[in-house]
Amino acid sequence: MQNVYIINGHQPYPFAKGRLNATMVELAQKHLVRRGYQVQVLEVSKGWDVEAEIARHQWADLVFVQFPVNWMGTPWVFKKYMDEVYTAGMDGRLCKGDGRHGPDEGHRYGLGGSLGDTRYMLSVTFNAPKDAFENPEAPFFEGKTVDDLLWPMHLNLRFFGMQKLPTFAAHDVMKNPDIENDLARFRGHLRQYFPVLPAAVAATEVAV
């Protein structure tokens, strides 16, 4: 895994301009570059080219998706991005149909992805507190996890054959923010799942 494509799916609003998500994208980019990865970044609110986006998904060994959870899902501009880019990619570049090859193969639905060697990671920010999840005493989410809530997004990427890495979540970022701790946890998450590549080690040895 050497090529990482980072997508910032934030939609700016007057009350939420996206500084935290932008900071996390910048931290991820710098961390990965220092460790020897090739990195490309898109901020969807600034627009995109459909063909270039399909090519970047084909180029990437891992797609890193950063976004705030808005109304239990992705921001609308990121949903539009997926509608345009992922639909165009169903010509075989991202997906070869839905995986079924006959009328009796409904059980194979969703297995036609072309990106089986690609992994992905979701990193999200919430106003919801951490204690609202995986808590049988919290009635709203009924004990469900962050990944349960993000299941549609996981399925979108799984539809193209991508393999999941663990999700990162920063909670309560508007009402009770603890940004310093969130960023420290985020750095730890990156260190855990993105090891230093041999090329970066070699470059350091040469510099020394």
Protein backbone atom coordinates (compact mmCIF):
# COMPACT_ATOMS: atom_id res chain seq x y z
CA MET A 1 0.00 0.00 0.00
CA GLN A 2 1.76 3.13 -1.24
CA ASN A 3 -0.78 5.39 -2.96
CA VAL A 4 -3.36 7.09 -0.74
CA TYR A 5 -6.22 9.23 -2.00
CA ILE A 6 -7.71 11.53 0.65
CA ILE A 7 -11.23 12.88 0.09
CA ASN A 8 -12.46 15.76 2.26
CA GLY A 9 -16.25 15.48 2.06
CA HIS A 10 -17.12 18.52 4.18
CA GLN A 11 -19.73 21.03 3.01
CA PRO A 12 -19.01 24.47 4.55
CA TYR A 13 -21.77 26.32 6.39
CA PRO A 14 -21.61 29.63 8.30
CA PHE A 15 -21.84 27.68 11.58
CA ALA A 16 -19.48 24.90 10.46
CA LYS A 17 -16.73 26.07 8.14
CA GLY A 18 -14.85 22.79 8.19
CA ARG A 19 -11.69 23.74 10.08
CA LEU A 20 -11.52 20.48 12.05
CA ASN A 21 -12.01 18.23 9.03
CA ALA A 22 -9.49 20.30 7.06
CA THR A 23 -7.01 20.01 9.94
CA MET A 24 -7.45 16.24 10.04
CA VAL A 25 -6.91 15.99 6.28
CA GLU A 26 -3.76 18.10 6.56
CA LEU A 27 -2.46 15.98 9.44
CA ALA A 28 -3.15 12.78 7.52
CA GLN A 29 -1.45 14.09 4.40
CA LYS A 30 1.68 15.22 6.24
CA HIS A 31 1.85 12.00 8.27
CA LEU A 32 1.58 9.82 5.19
CA VAL A 33 4.09 11.78 3.12
CA ARG A 34 6.64 11.60 5.96
CA ARG A 35 6.15 7.84 6.08
CA GLY A 36 6.82 7.40 2.37
CA TYR A 37 3.31 7.31 0.84
CA GLN A 38 2.25 9.02 -2.37
CA VAL A 39 -0.75 11.18 -1.51
CA GLN A 40 -3.39 13.05 -3.49
CA VAL A 41 -6.16 15.14 -1.90
CA LEU A 42 -9.57 16.39 -3.02
CA GLU A 43 -11.81 18.91 -1.25
CA VAL A 44 -15.21 18.11 -2.75
CA SER A 45 -16.75 21.50 -1.93
CA LYS A 46 -14.35 23.02 -4.50
CA GLY A 47 -15.60 20.77 -7.30
CA TRP A 48 -14.28 17.76 -9.16
CA ASP A 49 -13.74 16.21 -12.57
CA VAL A 50 -15.52 12.88 -12.90
CA GLU A 51 -12.91 11.22 -15.13
CA ALA A 52 -10.04 12.38 -12.95
CA GLU A 53 -11.79 11.03 -9.87
CA ILE A 54 -12.28 7.60 -11.39
CA ALA A 55 -8.61 7.54 -12.34
CA ARG A 56 -7.60 8.50 -8.80
CA HIS A 57 -9.66 5.67 -7.34
CA GLN A 58 -7.93 3.27 -9.74
CA TRP A 59 -4.53 4.73 -8.76
CA ALA A 60 -5.09 4.48 -5.01
CA ASP A 61 -4.08 1.56 -2.85
CA LEU A 62 -6.19 3.14 -0.12
CA VAL A 63 -9.00 5.71 -0.21
CA PHE A 64 -9.17 7.79 2.98
CA VAL A 65 -12.53 9.50 3.42
CA GLN A 66 -12.90 12.38 5.90
CA PHE A 67 -16.30 13.97 6.54
CA PRO A 68 -18.64 15.29 9.24
CA VAL A 69 -21.74 13.20 9.84
CA ASN A 70 -24.68 15.40 8.77
CA TRP A 71 -28.19 14.19 9.55
CA MET A 72 -26.89 10.66 10.11
CA GLY A 73 -25.12 10.53 6.74
CA THR A 74 -22.68 12.34 4.47
CA PRO A 75 -22.90 16.04 3.57
CA TRP A 76 -24.98 16.65 0.48
CA VAL A 77 -22.04 17.76 -1.67
CA PHE A 78 -20.27 14.47 -0.97
CA LYS A 79 -23.44 12.54 -1.82
CA LYS A 80 -23.53 14.43 -5.14
CA TYR A 81 -19.87 13.51 -5.70
CA MET A 82 -20.69 9.83 -5.21
CA ASP A 83 -23.77 10.05 -7.43
CA GLU A 84 -21.68 11.45 -10.29
CA VAL A 85 -18.32 9.71 -9.90
CA TYR A 86 -19.43 6.29 -8.73
CA THR A 87 -22.25 6.05 -11.24
CA ALA A 88 -19.83 6.84 -14.07
CA GLY A 89 -17.42 4.23 -12.70
CA MET A 90 -19.99 1.47 -13.14
CA ASP A 91 -18.80 1.15 -16.74
CA GLY A 92 -16.29 -1.41 -15.46
CA ARG A 93 -13.57 0.86 -14.14
CA LEU A 94 -14.89 0.78 -10.57
CA CYS A 95 -17.49 -1.94 -10.90
CA LYS A 96 -18.41 -4.67 -13.39
CA GLY A 97 -22.14 -4.78 -12.78
CA ASP A 98 -23.69 -5.79 -9.47
CA GLY A 99 -22.07 -9.23 -9.24
CA ARG A 100 -25.02 -11.31 -10.44
CA HIS A 101 -24.60 -13.49 -13.52
CA GLY A 102 -28.01 -15.08 -13.66
CA PRO A 103 -31.54 -14.85 -12.27
CA ASP A 104 -30.75 -17.32 -9.49
CA GLU A 105 -27.68 -15.46 -8.18
CA GLY A 106 -29.34 -12.75 -6.13
CA HIS A 107 -27.13 -13.81 -3.22
CA ARG A 108 -24.13 -12.50 -5.18
CA TYR A 109 -25.50 -8.96 -5.35
CA GLY A 110 -22.82 -6.37 -4.61
CA LEU A 111 -19.84 -8.55 -5.55
CA GLY A 112 -18.99 -7.01 -8.92
CA GLY A 113 -16.40 -4.52 -7.71
CA SER A 114 -13.23 -3.85 -9.70
CA LEU A 115 -11.16 -2.48 -6.77
CA GLY A 116 -10.61 -5.67 -4.80
CA ASP A 117 -6.98 -4.77 -4.07
CA THR A 118 -7.93 -1.35 -2.66
CA ARG A 119 -8.55 -0.61 0.99
CA TYR A 120 -10.44 2.30 2.52
CA MET A 121 -10.71 4.10 5.83
CA LEU A 122 -13.49 6.37 7.10
CA SER A 123 -12.69 9.23 9.48
CA VAL A 124 -15.70 11.18 10.74
CA THR A 125 -16.63 13.99 13.10
CA PHE A 126 -19.83 14.05 15.16
CA ASN A 127 -21.80 16.40 17.33
CA ALA A 128 -23.12 13.20 18.95
CA PRO A 129 -21.17 12.21 22.09
CA LYS A 130 -19.27 8.94 22.31
CA ASP A 131 -21.56 7.69 25.07
CA ALA A 132 -24.51 7.77 22.67
CA PHE A 133 -23.06 4.73 20.84
CA GLU A 134 -22.64 1.13 21.98
CA ASN A 135 -24.66 2.00 25.06
CA PRO A 136 -27.84 0.02 25.81
CA GLU A 137 -28.93 2.82 28.16
CA ALA A 138 -28.78 5.45 25.37
CA PRO A 139 -32.19 5.16 23.67
CA PHE A 140 -31.54 7.08 20.46
CA PHE A 141 -29.02 4.77 18.76
CA GLU A 142 -30.32 1.70 20.64
CA GLY A 143 -26.85 0.39 21.43
CA LYS A 144 -25.60 0.60 17.85
CA THR A 145 -22.02 1.43 16.88
CA VAL A 146 -20.58 4.23 14.76
CA ASP A 147 -20.02 1.69 11.97
CA ASP A 148 -23.66 0.61 12.22
CA LEU A 149 -24.67 4.21 11.51
CA LEU A 150 -22.13 4.45 8.68
CA TRP A 151 -23.19 1.12 7.16
CA PRO A 152 -24.55 2.68 3.91
CA MET A 153 -21.16 4.34 3.34
CA HIS A 154 -19.34 1.09 4.01
CA LEU A 155 -21.62 -0.65 1.50
CA ASN A 156 -20.97 2.03 -1.13
CA LEU A 157 -17.24 1.31 -1.01
CA ARG A 158 -17.69 -2.43 -0.58
CA PHE A 159 -19.76 -2.37 -3.78
CA PHE A 160 -16.53 -1.54 -5.62
CA GLY A 161 -14.69 -4.35 -3.85
CA MET A 162 -12.75 -2.21 -1.40
CA GLN A 163 -11.64 -3.67 1.93
CA LYS A 164 -12.28 -1.82 5.20
CA LEU A 165 -9.75 -0.55 7.72
CA PRO A 166 -10.99 0.54 11.17
CA THR A 167 -12.97 3.77 11.37
CA PHE A 168 -11.88 6.84 13.33
CA ALA A 169 -14.46 9.06 15.01
CA ALA A 170 -14.22 12.38 16.85
CA HIS A 171 -17.29 13.00 19.03
CA ASP A 172 -19.11 15.97 20.53
CA VAL A 173 -17.02 18.38 18.47
CA MET A 174 -19.53 21.24 18.59
CA LYS A 175 -21.18 21.16 22.02
CA ASN A 176 -18.32 19.80 24.13
CA PRO A 177 -15.17 19.87 21.99
CA ASP A 178 -11.93 18.26 23.10
CA ILE A 179 -10.02 18.89 19.91
CA GLU A 180 -6.51 18.47 21.32
CA ASN A 181 -7.34 14.98 22.56
CA ASP A 182 -9.19 14.13 19.33
CA LEU A 183 -6.16 15.07 17.24
CA ALA A 184 -3.85 13.09 19.52
CA ARG A 185 -6.07 10.02 19.08
CA PHE A 186 -6.16 10.66 15.34
CA ARG A 187 -2.37 10.72 15.13
CA GLY A 188 -2.26 7.45 17.04
CA HIS A 189 -4.80 5.92 14.65
CA LEU A 190 -2.67 6.94 11.68
CA ARG A 191 0.50 5.55 13.27
CA GLN A 192 -1.24 2.23 13.94
CA TYR A 193 -2.57 1.64 10.44
CA PHE A 194 0.00 3.40 8.23
CA PRO A 195 3.46 2.04 9.01
CA VAL A 196 6.63 3.65 7.73
CA LEU A 197 7.37 2.38 4.23
CA PRO A 198 10.84 1.01 3.36
CA ALA A 199 11.41 3.89 0.93
CA ALA A 200 11.02 6.40 3.76
CA VAL A 201 13.45 4.47 5.94
CA ALA A 202 16.00 4.36 3.12
CA ALA A 203 15.64 8.07 2.49
CA THR A 204 16.24 8.82 6.18
CA GLU A 205 19.35 6.63 6.20
CA VAL A 206 20.71 8.41 3.14
CA ALA A 207 20.04 11.81 4.74
CA VAL A 208 21.84 10.77 7.90
